[in-house]
Amino acid sequence: MAREMGMSQTAVSRIWRAFGLQPHPGWILSIGALVVVIGCTDMTPRQQGTVSGAAIGAAGGAGIAAIAGGNAWTGAIIGGAAGAVAGNIHGGHQ
């Protein structure tokens, strides 16, 4: 992961610890959260809101769809789109 992000392993480990990220269980969510945190550092507030809203919306949509017995991918797509729109609006007001 450090190589993919162009960072040292030490820097990645520090970021993981700072945000309480764990490789197991749910390592995919941890990596996704780390990418969002690192990727948002050079963004405008509107861009940060859009990315963060999409990530939160996708996770929420997938979870709700899975619990309701629907397709988690469809829930993630719908939740991500709704979250991105809401995040973009919120980010534009900051």
Protein backbone atom coordinates (compact mmCIF):
# COMPACT_ATOMS: atom_id res chain seq x y z
CA MET A 1 0.00 0.00 0.00
CA ALA A 2 2.82 2.40 0.84
CA ARG A 3 4.32 1.85 -2.59
CA GLU A 4 0.94 2.45 -4.29
CA MET A 5 0.48 5.73 -2.40
CA GLY A 6 4.09 6.84 -3.02
CA MET A 7 4.76 7.01 0.72
CA SER A 8 7.02 5.26 3.19
CA GLN A 9 5.69 2.32 5.19
CA THR A 10 6.30 4.34 8.36
CA ALA A 11 4.10 7.20 7.12
CA VAL A 12 1.29 4.79 6.21
CA SER A 13 1.56 3.10 9.63
CA ARG A 14 1.39 6.46 11.41
CA ILE A 15 -1.72 7.48 9.45
CA TRP A 16 -3.38 4.13 10.17
CA ARG A 17 -2.70 4.55 13.90
CA ALA A 18 -3.80 8.20 13.93
CA PHE A 19 -7.20 7.32 12.47
CA GLY A 20 -7.59 4.02 14.31
CA LEU A 21 -7.52 1.98 11.10
CA GLN A 22 -6.97 -1.78 11.30
CA PRO A 23 -5.91 -4.20 8.56
CA HIS A 24 -8.19 -6.98 9.91
CA PRO A 25 -11.16 -7.37 9.96
CA GLY A 26 -12.57 -5.09 7.35
CA TRP A 27 -9.21 -4.21 5.82
CA ILE A 28 -10.90 -3.08 2.62
CA LEU A 29 -12.80 -0.35 4.49
CA SER A 30 -9.60 0.69 6.26
CA ILE A 31 -7.73 1.05 2.98
CA GLY A 32 -10.65 2.97 1.48
CA ALA A 33 -10.76 5.32 4.45
CA LEU A 34 -7.01 5.90 4.23
CA VAL A 35 -7.21 6.72 0.53
CA VAL A 36 -10.02 9.21 1.20
CA VAL A 37 -8.06 10.83 4.06
CA ILE A 38 -4.86 11.14 2.04
CA GLY A 39 -6.63 12.06 -1.19
CA CYS A 40 -8.62 14.89 0.41
CA THR A 41 -5.60 16.81 1.66
CA ASP A 42 -5.15 18.90 -1.51
CA MET A 43 -8.82 19.38 -2.34
CA THR A 44 -11.14 22.34 -2.02
CA PRO A 45 -13.89 22.11 0.61
CA ARG A 46 -16.44 21.37 -2.14
CA GLN A 47 -14.32 18.52 -3.51
CA GLN A 48 -13.73 17.15 -0.02
CA GLY A 49 -17.45 17.23 0.67
CA THR A 50 -18.23 15.45 -2.58
CA VAL A 51 -15.70 12.66 -2.03
CA SER A 52 -16.53 12.22 1.64
CA GLY A 53 -20.27 12.32 0.98
CA ALA A 54 -19.95 9.74 -1.78
CA ALA A 55 -17.90 7.41 0.43
CA ILE A 56 -20.25 7.69 3.38
CA GLY A 57 -23.33 7.41 1.15
CA ALA A 58 -21.97 4.32 -0.63
CA ALA A 59 -21.17 2.58 2.65
CA GLY A 60 -24.56 3.46 4.11
CA GLY A 61 -26.44 2.51 0.97
CA ALA A 62 -24.68 -0.84 0.72
CA GLY A 63 -25.34 -1.59 4.37
CA ILE A 64 -29.02 -0.67 4.22
CA ALA A 65 -29.53 -2.65 1.01
CA ALA A 66 -27.80 -5.71 2.46
CA ILE A 67 -29.86 -5.55 5.66
CA ALA A 68 -33.08 -5.09 3.68
CA GLY A 69 -32.26 -8.09 1.49
CA GLY A 70 -31.52 -6.07 -1.65
CA ASN A 71 -28.46 -5.78 -3.83
CA ALA A 72 -25.61 -4.15 -1.91
CA TRP A 73 -23.98 -2.86 -5.12
CA THR A 74 -27.16 -1.10 -6.17
CA GLY A 75 -27.48 0.40 -2.69
CA ALA A 76 -23.86 1.55 -2.83
CA ILE A 77 -24.36 3.23 -6.20
CA ILE A 78 -27.54 5.01 -5.16
CA GLY A 79 -26.15 5.95 -1.73
CA GLY A 80 -22.88 7.13 -3.25
CA ALA A 81 -24.65 9.35 -5.76
CA ALA A 82 -26.93 10.85 -3.11
CA GLY A 83 -23.99 11.34 -0.74
CA ALA A 84 -21.90 13.00 -3.43
CA VAL A 85 -24.67 15.49 -4.21
CA ALA A 86 -25.25 16.27 -0.53
CA GLY A 87 -21.51 16.55 0.12
CA ASN A 88 -21.06 18.85 -2.84
CA ILE A 89 -23.82 21.15 -1.61
CA HIS A 90 -22.48 21.13 1.95
CA GLY A 91 -18.89 21.68 0.80
CA GLY A 92 -19.98 24.64 -1.30
CA HIS A 93 -21.35 26.38 1.81
CA GLN A 94 -18.09 26.19 3.76
